[in-house]
Amino acid sequence: YADSLKGRFTISRDNAKNTVYLQM
């Protein structure tokens, strides 16, 4: 994570769904 975004943004992936997410 970029330093300024730590604690606010969360990245995850679901390879079974062929999708990556960014929770902001």
PDBML (XML) file of the C-alpha atoms, coordinates in Angstrom:
<?xml version="1.0" encoding="UTF-8" ?>
<PDBx:datablock datablockName="MODEL"
   xmlns:PDBx="http://pdbml.pdb.org/schema/pdbx-v50.xsd"
   xmlns:xsi="http://www.w3.org/2001/XMLSchema-instance"
   xsi:schemaLocation="http://pdbml.pdb.org/schema/pdbx-v50.xsd pdbx-v50.xsd">
   <PDBx:atom_siteCategory>
      <PDBx:atom_site id="1">
         <PDBx:B_iso_or_equiv>0.00</PDBx:B_iso_or_equiv>
         <PDBx:Cartn_x>0.000</PDBx:Cartn_x>
         <PDBx:Cartn_y>0.000</PDBx:Cartn_y>
         <PDBx:Cartn_z>0.000</PDBx:Cartn_z>
         <PDBx:auth_asym_id>A</PDBx:auth_asym_id>
         <PDBx:auth_atom_id>CA</PDBx:auth_atom_id>
         <PDBx:auth_comp_id>TYR</PDBx:auth_comp_id>
         <PDBx:auth_seq_id>1</PDBx:auth_seq_id>
         <PDBx:group_PDB>ATOM</PDBx:group_PDB>
         <PDBx:label_alt_id xsi:nil="true" />
         <PDBx:label_asym_id>A</PDBx:label_asym_id>
         <PDBx:label_atom_id>CA</PDBx:label_atom_id>
         <PDBx:label_comp_id>TYR</PDBx:label_comp_id>
         <PDBx:label_entity_id>1</PDBx:label_entity_id>
         <PDBx:label_seq_id>1</PDBx:label_seq_id>
         <PDBx:occupancy>1.00</PDBx:occupancy>
         <PDBx:pdbx_PDB_model_num>1</PDBx:pdbx_PDB_model_num>
         <PDBx:type_symbol>C</PDBx:type_symbol>
      </PDBx:atom_site>
      <PDBx:atom_site id="2">
         <PDBx:B_iso_or_equiv>0.00</PDBx:B_iso_or_equiv>
         <PDBx:Cartn_x>1.073</PDBx:Cartn_x>
         <PDBx:Cartn_y>3.559</PDBx:Cartn_y>
         <PDBx:Cartn_z>-0.546</PDBx:Cartn_z>
         <PDBx:auth_asym_id>A</PDBx:auth_asym_id>
         <PDBx:auth_atom_id>CA</PDBx:auth_atom_id>
         <PDBx:auth_comp_id>ALA</PDBx:auth_comp_id>
         <PDBx:auth_seq_id>2</PDBx:auth_seq_id>
         <PDBx:group_PDB>ATOM</PDBx:group_PDB>
         <PDBx:label_alt_id xsi:nil="true" />
         <PDBx:label_asym_id>A</PDBx:label_asym_id>
         <PDBx:label_atom_id>CA</PDBx:label_atom_id>
         <PDBx:label_comp_id>ALA</PDBx:label_comp_id>
         <PDBx:label_entity_id>1</PDBx:label_entity_id>
         <PDBx:label_seq_id>2</PDBx:label_seq_id>
         <PDBx:occupancy>1.00</PDBx:occupancy>
         <PDBx:pdbx_PDB_model_num>1</PDBx:pdbx_PDB_model_num>
         <PDBx:type_symbol>C</PDBx:type_symbol>
      </PDBx:atom_site>
      <PDBx:atom_site id="3">
         <PDBx:B_iso_or_equiv>0.00</PDBx:B_iso_or_equiv>
         <PDBx:Cartn_x>1.979</PDBx:Cartn_x>
         <PDBx:Cartn_y>5.039</PDBx:Cartn_y>
         <PDBx:Cartn_z>2.835</PDBx:Cartn_z>
         <PDBx:auth_asym_id>A</PDBx:auth_asym_id>
         <PDBx:auth_atom_id>CA</PDBx:auth_atom_id>
         <PDBx:auth_comp_id>ASP</PDBx:auth_comp_id>
         <PDBx:auth_seq_id>3</PDBx:auth_seq_id>
         <PDBx:group_PDB>ATOM</PDBx:group_PDB>
         <PDBx:label_alt_id xsi:nil="true" />
         <PDBx:label_asym_id>A</PDBx:label_asym_id>
         <PDBx:label_atom_id>CA</PDBx:label_atom_id>
         <PDBx:label_comp_id>ASP</PDBx:label_comp_id>
         <PDBx:label_entity_id>1</PDBx:label_entity_id>
         <PDBx:label_seq_id>3</PDBx:label_seq_id>
         <PDBx:occupancy>1.00</PDBx:occupancy>
         <PDBx:pdbx_PDB_model_num>1</PDBx:pdbx_PDB_model_num>
         <PDBx:type_symbol>C</PDBx:type_symbol>
      </PDBx:atom_site>
      <PDBx:atom_site id="4">
         <PDBx:B_iso_or_equiv>0.00</PDBx:B_iso_or_equiv>
         <PDBx:Cartn_x>-0.776</PDBx:Cartn_x>
         <PDBx:Cartn_y>7.639</PDBx:Cartn_y>
         <PDBx:Cartn_z>2.738</PDBx:Cartn_z>
         <PDBx:auth_asym_id>A</PDBx:auth_asym_id>
         <PDBx:auth_atom_id>CA</PDBx:auth_atom_id>
         <PDBx:auth_comp_id>SER</PDBx:auth_comp_id>
         <PDBx:auth_seq_id>4</PDBx:auth_seq_id>
         <PDBx:group_PDB>ATOM</PDBx:group_PDB>
         <PDBx:label_alt_id xsi:nil="true" />
         <PDBx:label_asym_id>A</PDBx:label_asym_id>
         <PDBx:label_atom_id>CA</PDBx:label_atom_id>
         <PDBx:label_comp_id>SER</PDBx:label_comp_id>
         <PDBx:label_entity_id>1</PDBx:label_entity_id>
         <PDBx:label_seq_id>4</PDBx:label_seq_id>
         <PDBx:occupancy>1.00</PDBx:occupancy>
         <PDBx:pdbx_PDB_model_num>1</PDBx:pdbx_PDB_model_num>
         <PDBx:type_symbol>C</PDBx:type_symbol>
      </PDBx:atom_site>
      <PDBx:atom_site id="5">
         <PDBx:B_iso_or_equiv>0.00</PDBx:B_iso_or_equiv>
         <PDBx:Cartn_x>-3.440</PDBx:Cartn_x>
         <PDBx:Cartn_y>4.980</PDBx:Cartn_y>
         <PDBx:Cartn_z>2.180</PDBx:Cartn_z>
         <PDBx:auth_asym_id>A</PDBx:auth_asym_id>
         <PDBx:auth_atom_id>CA</PDBx:auth_atom_id>
         <PDBx:auth_comp_id>LEU</PDBx:auth_comp_id>
         <PDBx:auth_seq_id>5</PDBx:auth_seq_id>
         <PDBx:group_PDB>ATOM</PDBx:group_PDB>
         <PDBx:label_alt_id xsi:nil="true" />
         <PDBx:label_asym_id>A</PDBx:label_asym_id>
         <PDBx:label_atom_id>CA</PDBx:label_atom_id>
         <PDBx:label_comp_id>LEU</PDBx:label_comp_id>
         <PDBx:label_entity_id>1</PDBx:label_entity_id>
         <PDBx:label_seq_id>5</PDBx:label_seq_id>
         <PDBx:occupancy>1.00</PDBx:occupancy>
         <PDBx:pdbx_PDB_model_num>1</PDBx:pdbx_PDB_model_num>
         <PDBx:type_symbol>C</PDBx:type_symbol>
      </PDBx:atom_site>
      <PDBx:atom_site id="6">
         <PDBx:B_iso_or_equiv>0.00</PDBx:B_iso_or_equiv>
         <PDBx:Cartn_x>-2.531</PDBx:Cartn_x>
         <PDBx:Cartn_y>2.428</PDBx:Cartn_y>
         <PDBx:Cartn_z>4.819</PDBx:Cartn_z>
         <PDBx:auth_asym_id>A</PDBx:auth_asym_id>
         <PDBx:auth_atom_id>CA</PDBx:auth_atom_id>
         <PDBx:auth_comp_id>LYS</PDBx:auth_comp_id>
         <PDBx:auth_seq_id>6</PDBx:auth_seq_id>
         <PDBx:group_PDB>ATOM</PDBx:group_PDB>
         <PDBx:label_alt_id xsi:nil="true" />
         <PDBx:label_asym_id>A</PDBx:label_asym_id>
         <PDBx:label_atom_id>CA</PDBx:label_atom_id>
         <PDBx:label_comp_id>LYS</PDBx:label_comp_id>
         <PDBx:label_entity_id>1</PDBx:label_entity_id>
         <PDBx:label_seq_id>6</PDBx:label_seq_id>
         <PDBx:occupancy>1.00</PDBx:occupancy>
         <PDBx:pdbx_PDB_model_num>1</PDBx:pdbx_PDB_model_num>
         <PDBx:type_symbol>C</PDBx:type_symbol>
      </PDBx:atom_site>
      <PDBx:atom_site id="7">
         <PDBx:B_iso_or_equiv>0.00</PDBx:B_iso_or_equiv>
         <PDBx:Cartn_x>-5.444</PDBx:Cartn_x>
         <PDBx:Cartn_y>1.829</PDBx:Cartn_y>
         <PDBx:Cartn_z>7.150</PDBx:Cartn_z>
         <PDBx:auth_asym_id>A</PDBx:auth_asym_id>
         <PDBx:auth_atom_id>CA</PDBx:auth_atom_id>
         <PDBx:auth_comp_id>GLY</PDBx:auth_comp_id>
         <PDBx:auth_seq_id>7</PDBx:auth_seq_id>
         <PDBx:group_PDB>ATOM</PDBx:group_PDB>
         <PDBx:label_alt_id xsi:nil="true" />
         <PDBx:label_asym_id>A</PDBx:label_asym_id>
         <PDBx:label_atom_id>CA</PDBx:label_atom_id>
         <PDBx:label_comp_id>GLY</PDBx:label_comp_id>
         <PDBx:label_entity_id>1</PDBx:label_entity_id>
         <PDBx:label_seq_id>7</PDBx:label_seq_id>
         <PDBx:occupancy>1.00</PDBx:occupancy>
         <PDBx:pdbx_PDB_model_num>1</PDBx:pdbx_PDB_model_num>
         <PDBx:type_symbol>C</PDBx:type_symbol>
      </PDBx:atom_site>
      <PDBx:atom_site id="8">
         <PDBx:B_iso_or_equiv>0.00</PDBx:B_iso_or_equiv>
         <PDBx:Cartn_x>-8.023</PDBx:Cartn_x>
         <PDBx:Cartn_y>3.190</PDBx:Cartn_y>
         <PDBx:Cartn_z>4.700</PDBx:Cartn_z>
         <PDBx:auth_asym_id>A</PDBx:auth_asym_id>
         <PDBx:auth_atom_id>CA</PDBx:auth_atom_id>
         <PDBx:auth_comp_id>ARG</PDBx:auth_comp_id>
         <PDBx:auth_seq_id>8</PDBx:auth_seq_id>
         <PDBx:group_PDB>ATOM</PDBx:group_PDB>
         <PDBx:label_alt_id xsi:nil="true" />
         <PDBx:label_asym_id>A</PDBx:label_asym_id>
         <PDBx:label_atom_id>CA</PDBx:label_atom_id>
         <PDBx:label_comp_id>ARG</PDBx:label_comp_id>
         <PDBx:label_entity_id>1</PDBx:label_entity_id>
         <PDBx:label_seq_id>8</PDBx:label_seq_id>
         <PDBx:occupancy>1.00</PDBx:occupancy>
         <PDBx:pdbx_PDB_model_num>1</PDBx:pdbx_PDB_model_num>
         <PDBx:type_symbol>C</PDBx:type_symbol>
      </PDBx:atom_site>
      <PDBx:atom_site id="9">
         <PDBx:B_iso_or_equiv>0.00</PDBx:B_iso_or_equiv>
         <PDBx:Cartn_x>-7.696</PDBx:Cartn_x>
         <PDBx:Cartn_y>1.011</PDBx:Cartn_y>
         <PDBx:Cartn_z>1.589</PDBx:Cartn_z>
         <PDBx:auth_asym_id>A</PDBx:auth_asym_id>
         <PDBx:auth_atom_id>CA</PDBx:auth_atom_id>
         <PDBx:auth_comp_id>PHE</PDBx:auth_comp_id>
         <PDBx:auth_seq_id>9</PDBx:auth_seq_id>
         <PDBx:group_PDB>ATOM</PDBx:group_PDB>
         <PDBx:label_alt_id xsi:nil="true" />
         <PDBx:label_asym_id>A</PDBx:label_asym_id>
         <PDBx:label_atom_id>CA</PDBx:label_atom_id>
         <PDBx:label_comp_id>PHE</PDBx:label_comp_id>
         <PDBx:label_entity_id>1</PDBx:label_entity_id>
         <PDBx:label_seq_id>9</PDBx:label_seq_id>
         <PDBx:occupancy>1.00</PDBx:occupancy>
         <PDBx:pdbx_PDB_model_num>1</PDBx:pdbx_PDB_model_num>
         <PDBx:type_symbol>C</PDBx:type_symbol>
      </PDBx:atom_site>
      <PDBx:atom_site id="10">
         <PDBx:B_iso_or_equiv>0.00</PDBx:B_iso_or_equiv>
         <PDBx:Cartn_x>-7.760</PDBx:Cartn_x>
         <PDBx:Cartn_y>-2.786</PDBx:Cartn_y>
         <PDBx:Cartn_z>1.391</PDBx:Cartn_z>
         <PDBx:auth_asym_id>A</PDBx:auth_asym_id>
         <PDBx:auth_atom_id>CA</PDBx:auth_atom_id>
         <PDBx:auth_comp_id>THR</PDBx:auth_comp_id>
         <PDBx:auth_seq_id>10</PDBx:auth_seq_id>
         <PDBx:group_PDB>ATOM</PDBx:group_PDB>
         <PDBx:label_alt_id xsi:nil="true" />
         <PDBx:label_asym_id>A</PDBx:label_asym_id>
         <PDBx:label_atom_id>CA</PDBx:label_atom_id>
         <PDBx:label_comp_id>THR</PDBx:label_comp_id>
         <PDBx:label_entity_id>1</PDBx:label_entity_id>
         <PDBx:label_seq_id>10</PDBx:label_seq_id>
         <PDBx:occupancy>1.00</PDBx:occupancy>
         <PDBx:pdbx_PDB_model_num>1</PDBx:pdbx_PDB_model_num>
         <PDBx:type_symbol>C</PDBx:type_symbol>
      </PDBx:atom_site>
      <PDBx:atom_site id="11">
         <PDBx:B_iso_or_equiv>0.00</PDBx:B_iso_or_equiv>
         <PDBx:Cartn_x>-6.824</PDBx:Cartn_x>
         <PDBx:Cartn_y>-4.861</PDBx:Cartn_y>
         <PDBx:Cartn_z>-1.645</PDBx:Cartn_z>
         <PDBx:auth_asym_id>A</PDBx:auth_asym_id>
         <PDBx:auth_atom_id>CA</PDBx:auth_atom_id>
         <PDBx:auth_comp_id>ILE</PDBx:auth_comp_id>
         <PDBx:auth_seq_id>11</PDBx:auth_seq_id>
         <PDBx:group_PDB>ATOM</PDBx:group_PDB>
         <PDBx:label_alt_id xsi:nil="true" />
         <PDBx:label_asym_id>A</PDBx:label_asym_id>
         <PDBx:label_atom_id>CA</PDBx:label_atom_id>
         <PDBx:label_comp_id>ILE</PDBx:label_comp_id>
         <PDBx:label_entity_id>1</PDBx:label_entity_id>
         <PDBx:label_seq_id>11</PDBx:label_seq_id>
         <PDBx:occupancy>1.00</PDBx:occupancy>
         <PDBx:pdbx_PDB_model_num>1</PDBx:pdbx_PDB_model_num>
         <PDBx:type_symbol>C</PDBx:type_symbol>
      </PDBx:atom_site>
      <PDBx:atom_site id="12">
         <PDBx:B_iso_or_equiv>0.00</PDBx:B_iso_or_equiv>
         <PDBx:Cartn_x>-8.031</PDBx:Cartn_x>
         <PDBx:Cartn_y>-8.428</PDBx:Cartn_y>
         <PDBx:Cartn_z>-2.090</PDBx:Cartn_z>
         <PDBx:auth_asym_id>A</PDBx:auth_asym_id>
         <PDBx:auth_atom_id>CA</PDBx:auth_atom_id>
         <PDBx:auth_comp_id>SER</PDBx:auth_comp_id>
         <PDBx:auth_seq_id>12</PDBx:auth_seq_id>
         <PDBx:group_PDB>ATOM</PDBx:group_PDB>
         <PDBx:label_alt_id xsi:nil="true" />
         <PDBx:label_asym_id>A</PDBx:label_asym_id>
         <PDBx:label_atom_id>CA</PDBx:label_atom_id>
         <PDBx:label_comp_id>SER</PDBx:label_comp_id>
         <PDBx:label_entity_id>1</PDBx:label_entity_id>
         <PDBx:label_seq_id>12</PDBx:label_seq_id>
         <PDBx:occupancy>1.00</PDBx:occupancy>
         <PDBx:pdbx_PDB_model_num>1</PDBx:pdbx_PDB_model_num>
         <PDBx:type_symbol>C</PDBx:type_symbol>
      </PDBx:atom_site>
      <PDBx:atom_site id="13">
         <PDBx:B_iso_or_equiv>0.00</PDBx:B_iso_or_equiv>
         <PDBx:Cartn_x>-8.529</PDBx:Cartn_x>
         <PDBx:Cartn_y>-10.986</PDBx:Cartn_y>
         <PDBx:Cartn_z>-4.810</PDBx:Cartn_z>
         <PDBx:auth_asym_id>A</PDBx:auth_asym_id>
         <PDBx:auth_atom_id>CA</PDBx:auth_atom_id>
         <PDBx:auth_comp_id>ARG</PDBx:auth_comp_id>
         <PDBx:auth_seq_id>13</PDBx:auth_seq_id>
         <PDBx:group_PDB>ATOM</PDBx:group_PDB>
         <PDBx:label_alt_id xsi:nil="true" />
         <PDBx:label_asym_id>A</PDBx:label_asym_id>
         <PDBx:label_atom_id>CA</PDBx:label_atom_id>
         <PDBx:label_comp_id>ARG</PDBx:label_comp_id>
         <PDBx:label_entity_id>1</PDBx:label_entity_id>
         <PDBx:label_seq_id>13</PDBx:label_seq_id>
         <PDBx:occupancy>1.00</PDBx:occupancy>
         <PDBx:pdbx_PDB_model_num>1</PDBx:pdbx_PDB_model_num>
         <PDBx:type_symbol>C</PDBx:type_symbol>
      </PDBx:atom_site>
      <PDBx:atom_site id="14">
         <PDBx:B_iso_or_equiv>0.00</PDBx:B_iso_or_equiv>
         <PDBx:Cartn_x>-10.879</PDBx:Cartn_x>
         <PDBx:Cartn_y>-13.845</PDBx:Cartn_y>
         <PDBx:Cartn_z>-5.559</PDBx:Cartn_z>
         <PDBx:auth_asym_id>A</PDBx:auth_asym_id>
         <PDBx:auth_atom_id>CA</PDBx:auth_atom_id>
         <PDBx:auth_comp_id>ASP</PDBx:auth_comp_id>
         <PDBx:auth_seq_id>14</PDBx:auth_seq_id>
         <PDBx:group_PDB>ATOM</PDBx:group_PDB>
         <PDBx:label_alt_id xsi:nil="true" />
         <PDBx:label_asym_id>A</PDBx:label_asym_id>
         <PDBx:label_atom_id>CA</PDBx:label_atom_id>
         <PDBx:label_comp_id>ASP</PDBx:label_comp_id>
         <PDBx:label_entity_id>1</PDBx:label_entity_id>
         <PDBx:label_seq_id>14</PDBx:label_seq_id>
         <PDBx:occupancy>1.00</PDBx:occupancy>
         <PDBx:pdbx_PDB_model_num>1</PDBx:pdbx_PDB_model_num>
         <PDBx:type_symbol>C</PDBx:type_symbol>
      </PDBx:atom_site>
      <PDBx:atom_site id="15">
         <PDBx:B_iso_or_equiv>0.00</PDBx:B_iso_or_equiv>
         <PDBx:Cartn_x>-9.109</PDBx:Cartn_x>
         <PDBx:Cartn_y>-15.945</PDBx:Cartn_y>
         <PDBx:Cartn_z>-8.146</PDBx:Cartn_z>
         <PDBx:auth_asym_id>A</PDBx:auth_asym_id>
         <PDBx:auth_atom_id>CA</PDBx:auth_atom_id>
         <PDBx:auth_comp_id>ASN</PDBx:auth_comp_id>
         <PDBx:auth_seq_id>15</PDBx:auth_seq_id>
         <PDBx:group_PDB>ATOM</PDBx:group_PDB>
         <PDBx:label_alt_id xsi:nil="true" />
         <PDBx:label_asym_id>A</PDBx:label_asym_id>
         <PDBx:label_atom_id>CA</PDBx:label_atom_id>
         <PDBx:label_comp_id>ASN</PDBx:label_comp_id>
         <PDBx:label_entity_id>1</PDBx:label_entity_id>
         <PDBx:label_seq_id>15</PDBx:label_seq_id>
         <PDBx:occupancy>1.00</PDBx:occupancy>
         <PDBx:pdbx_PDB_model_num>1</PDBx:pdbx_PDB_model_num>
         <PDBx:type_symbol>C</PDBx:type_symbol>
      </PDBx:atom_site>
      <PDBx:atom_site id="16">
         <PDBx:B_iso_or_equiv>0.00</PDBx:B_iso_or_equiv>
         <PDBx:Cartn_x>-12.111</PDBx:Cartn_x>
         <PDBx:Cartn_y>-18.254</PDBx:Cartn_y>
         <PDBx:Cartn_z>-8.495</PDBx:Cartn_z>
         <PDBx:auth_asym_id>A</PDBx:auth_asym_id>
         <PDBx:auth_atom_id>CA</PDBx:auth_atom_id>
         <PDBx:auth_comp_id>ALA</PDBx:auth_comp_id>
         <PDBx:auth_seq_id>16</PDBx:auth_seq_id>
         <PDBx:group_PDB>ATOM</PDBx:group_PDB>
         <PDBx:label_alt_id xsi:nil="true" />
         <PDBx:label_asym_id>A</PDBx:label_asym_id>
         <PDBx:label_atom_id>CA</PDBx:label_atom_id>
         <PDBx:label_comp_id>ALA</PDBx:label_comp_id>
         <PDBx:label_entity_id>1</PDBx:label_entity_id>
         <PDBx:label_seq_id>16</PDBx:label_seq_id>
         <PDBx:occupancy>1.00</PDBx:occupancy>
         <PDBx:pdbx_PDB_model_num>1</PDBx:pdbx_PDB_model_num>
         <PDBx:type_symbol>C</PDBx:type_symbol>
      </PDBx:atom_site>
      <PDBx:atom_site id="17">
         <PDBx:B_iso_or_equiv>0.00</PDBx:B_iso_or_equiv>
         <PDBx:Cartn_x>-14.089</PDBx:Cartn_x>
         <PDBx:Cartn_y>-15.235</PDBx:Cartn_y>
         <PDBx:Cartn_z>-9.724</PDBx:Cartn_z>
         <PDBx:auth_asym_id>A</PDBx:auth_asym_id>
         <PDBx:auth_atom_id>CA</PDBx:auth_atom_id>
         <PDBx:auth_comp_id>LYS</PDBx:auth_comp_id>
         <PDBx:auth_seq_id>17</PDBx:auth_seq_id>
         <PDBx:group_PDB>ATOM</PDBx:group_PDB>
         <PDBx:label_alt_id xsi:nil="true" />
         <PDBx:label_asym_id>A</PDBx:label_asym_id>
         <PDBx:label_atom_id>CA</PDBx:label_atom_id>
         <PDBx:label_comp_id>LYS</PDBx:label_comp_id>
         <PDBx:label_entity_id>1</PDBx:label_entity_id>
         <PDBx:label_seq_id>17</PDBx:label_seq_id>
         <PDBx:occupancy>1.00</PDBx:occupancy>
         <PDBx:pdbx_PDB_model_num>1</PDBx:pdbx_PDB_model_num>
         <PDBx:type_symbol>C</PDBx:type_symbol>
      </PDBx:atom_site>
      <PDBx:atom_site id="18">
         <PDBx:B_iso_or_equiv>0.00</PDBx:B_iso_or_equiv>
         <PDBx:Cartn_x>-11.179</PDBx:Cartn_x>
         <PDBx:Cartn_y>-13.849</PDBx:Cartn_y>
         <PDBx:Cartn_z>-11.761</PDBx:Cartn_z>
         <PDBx:auth_asym_id>A</PDBx:auth_asym_id>
         <PDBx:auth_atom_id>CA</PDBx:auth_atom_id>
         <PDBx:auth_comp_id>ASN</PDBx:auth_comp_id>
         <PDBx:auth_seq_id>18</PDBx:auth_seq_id>
         <PDBx:group_PDB>ATOM</PDBx:group_PDB>
         <PDBx:label_alt_id xsi:nil="true" />
         <PDBx:label_asym_id>A</PDBx:label_asym_id>
         <PDBx:label_atom_id>CA</PDBx:label_atom_id>
         <PDBx:label_comp_id>ASN</PDBx:label_comp_id>
         <PDBx:label_entity_id>1</PDBx:label_entity_id>
         <PDBx:label_seq_id>18</PDBx:label_seq_id>
         <PDBx:occupancy>1.00</PDBx:occupancy>
         <PDBx:pdbx_PDB_model_num>1</PDBx:pdbx_PDB_model_num>
         <PDBx:type_symbol>C</PDBx:type_symbol>
      </PDBx:atom_site>
      <PDBx:atom_site id="19">
         <PDBx:B_iso_or_equiv>0.00</PDBx:B_iso_or_equiv>
         <PDBx:Cartn_x>-11.574</PDBx:Cartn_x>
         <PDBx:Cartn_y>-10.548</PDBx:Cartn_y>
         <PDBx:Cartn_z>-9.908</PDBx:Cartn_z>
         <PDBx:auth_asym_id>A</PDBx:auth_asym_id>
         <PDBx:auth_atom_id>CA</PDBx:auth_atom_id>
         <PDBx:auth_comp_id>THR</PDBx:auth_comp_id>
         <PDBx:auth_seq_id>19</PDBx:auth_seq_id>
         <PDBx:group_PDB>ATOM</PDBx:group_PDB>
         <PDBx:label_alt_id xsi:nil="true" />
         <PDBx:label_asym_id>A</PDBx:label_asym_id>
         <PDBx:label_atom_id>CA</PDBx:label_atom_id>
         <PDBx:label_comp_id>THR</PDBx:label_comp_id>
         <PDBx:label_entity_id>1</PDBx:label_entity_id>
         <PDBx:label_seq_id>19</PDBx:label_seq_id>
         <PDBx:occupancy>1.00</PDBx:occupancy>
         <PDBx:pdbx_PDB_model_num>1</PDBx:pdbx_PDB_model_num>
         <PDBx:type_symbol>C</PDBx:type_symbol>
      </PDBx:atom_site>
      <PDBx:atom_site id="20">
         <PDBx:B_iso_or_equiv>0.00</PDBx:B_iso_or_equiv>
         <PDBx:Cartn_x>-9.484</PDBx:Cartn_x>
         <PDBx:Cartn_y>-8.187</PDBx:Cartn_y>
         <PDBx:Cartn_z>-7.769</PDBx:Cartn_z>
         <PDBx:auth_asym_id>A</PDBx:auth_asym_id>
         <PDBx:auth_atom_id>CA</PDBx:auth_atom_id>
         <PDBx:auth_comp_id>VAL</PDBx:auth_comp_id>
         <PDBx:auth_seq_id>20</PDBx:auth_seq_id>
         <PDBx:group_PDB>ATOM</PDBx:group_PDB>
         <PDBx:label_alt_id xsi:nil="true" />
         <PDBx:label_asym_id>A</PDBx:label_asym_id>
         <PDBx:label_atom_id>CA</PDBx:label_atom_id>
         <PDBx:label_comp_id>VAL</PDBx:label_comp_id>
         <PDBx:label_entity_id>1</PDBx:label_entity_id>
         <PDBx:label_seq_id>20</PDBx:label_seq_id>
         <PDBx:occupancy>1.00</PDBx:occupancy>
         <PDBx:pdbx_PDB_model_num>1</PDBx:pdbx_PDB_model_num>
         <PDBx:type_symbol>C</PDBx:type_symbol>
      </PDBx:atom_site>
      <PDBx:atom_site id="21">
         <PDBx:B_iso_or_equiv>0.00</PDBx:B_iso_or_equiv>
         <PDBx:Cartn_x>-11.043</PDBx:Cartn_x>
         <PDBx:Cartn_y>-5.655</PDBx:Cartn_y>
         <PDBx:Cartn_z>-5.407</PDBx:Cartn_z>
         <PDBx:auth_asym_id>A</PDBx:auth_asym_id>
         <PDBx:auth_atom_id>CA</PDBx:auth_atom_id>
         <PDBx:auth_comp_id>TYR</PDBx:auth_comp_id>
         <PDBx:auth_seq_id>21</PDBx:auth_seq_id>
         <PDBx:group_PDB>ATOM</PDBx:group_PDB>
         <PDBx:label_alt_id xsi:nil="true" />
         <PDBx:label_asym_id>A</PDBx:label_asym_id>
         <PDBx:label_atom_id>CA</PDBx:label_atom_id>
         <PDBx:label_comp_id>TYR</PDBx:label_comp_id>
         <PDBx:label_entity_id>1</PDBx:label_entity_id>
         <PDBx:label_seq_id>21</PDBx:label_seq_id>
         <PDBx:occupancy>1.00</PDBx:occupancy>
         <PDBx:pdbx_PDB_model_num>1</PDBx:pdbx_PDB_model_num>
         <PDBx:type_symbol>C</PDBx:type_symbol>
      </PDBx:atom_site>
      <PDBx:atom_site id="22">
         <PDBx:B_iso_or_equiv>0.00</PDBx:B_iso_or_equiv>
         <PDBx:Cartn_x>-10.057</PDBx:Cartn_x>
         <PDBx:Cartn_y>-2.376</PDBx:Cartn_y>
         <PDBx:Cartn_z>-3.813</PDBx:Cartn_z>
         <PDBx:auth_asym_id>A</PDBx:auth_asym_id>
         <PDBx:auth_atom_id>CA</PDBx:auth_atom_id>
         <PDBx:auth_comp_id>LEU</PDBx:auth_comp_id>
         <PDBx:auth_seq_id>22</PDBx:auth_seq_id>
         <PDBx:group_PDB>ATOM</PDBx:group_PDB>
         <PDBx:label_alt_id xsi:nil="true" />
         <PDBx:label_asym_id>A</PDBx:label_asym_id>
         <PDBx:label_atom_id>CA</PDBx:label_atom_id>
         <PDBx:label_comp_id>LEU</PDBx:label_comp_id>
         <PDBx:label_entity_id>1</PDBx:label_entity_id>
         <PDBx:label_seq_id>22</PDBx:label_seq_id>
         <PDBx:occupancy>1.00</PDBx:occupancy>
         <PDBx:pdbx_PDB_model_num>1</PDBx:pdbx_PDB_model_num>
         <PDBx:type_symbol>C</PDBx:type_symbol>
      </PDBx:atom_site>
      <PDBx:atom_site id="23">
         <PDBx:B_iso_or_equiv>0.00</PDBx:B_iso_or_equiv>
         <PDBx:Cartn_x>-12.097</PDBx:Cartn_x>
         <PDBx:Cartn_y>-1.437</PDBx:Cartn_y>
         <PDBx:Cartn_z>-0.754</PDBx:Cartn_z>
         <PDBx:auth_asym_id>A</PDBx:auth_asym_id>
         <PDBx:auth_atom_id>CA</PDBx:auth_atom_id>
         <PDBx:auth_comp_id>GLN</PDBx:auth_comp_id>
         <PDBx:auth_seq_id>23</PDBx:auth_seq_id>
         <PDBx:group_PDB>ATOM</PDBx:group_PDB>
         <PDBx:label_alt_id xsi:nil="true" />
         <PDBx:label_asym_id>A</PDBx:label_asym_id>
         <PDBx:label_atom_id>CA</PDBx:label_atom_id>
         <PDBx:label_comp_id>GLN</PDBx:label_comp_id>
         <PDBx:label_entity_id>1</PDBx:label_entity_id>
         <PDBx:label_seq_id>23</PDBx:label_seq_id>
         <PDBx:occupancy>1.00</PDBx:occupancy>
         <PDBx:pdbx_PDB_model_num>1</PDBx:pdbx_PDB_model_num>
         <PDBx:type_symbol>C</PDBx:type_symbol>
      </PDBx:atom_site>
      <PDBx:atom_site id="24">
         <PDBx:B_iso_or_equiv>0.00</PDBx:B_iso_or_equiv>
         <PDBx:Cartn_x>-11.774</PDBx:Cartn_x>
         <PDBx:Cartn_y>2.295</PDBx:Cartn_y>
         <PDBx:Cartn_z>-0.097</PDBx:Cartn_z>
         <PDBx:auth_asym_id>A</PDBx:auth_asym_id>
         <PDBx:auth_atom_id>CA</PDBx:auth_atom_id>
         <PDBx:auth_comp_id>MET</PDBx:auth_comp_id>
         <PDBx:auth_seq_id>24</PDBx:auth_seq_id>
         <PDBx:group_PDB>ATOM</PDBx:group_PDB>
         <PDBx:label_alt_id xsi:nil="true" />
         <PDBx:label_asym_id>A</PDBx:label_asym_id>
         <PDBx:label_atom_id>CA</PDBx:label_atom_id>
         <PDBx:label_comp_id>MET</PDBx:label_comp_id>
         <PDBx:label_entity_id>1</PDBx:label_entity_id>
         <PDBx:label_seq_id>24</PDBx:label_seq_id>
         <PDBx:occupancy>1.00</PDBx:occupancy>
         <PDBx:pdbx_PDB_model_num>1</PDBx:pdbx_PDB_model_num>
         <PDBx:type_symbol>C</PDBx:type_symbol>
      </PDBx:atom_site>
   </PDBx:atom_siteCategory>
</PDBx:datablock>
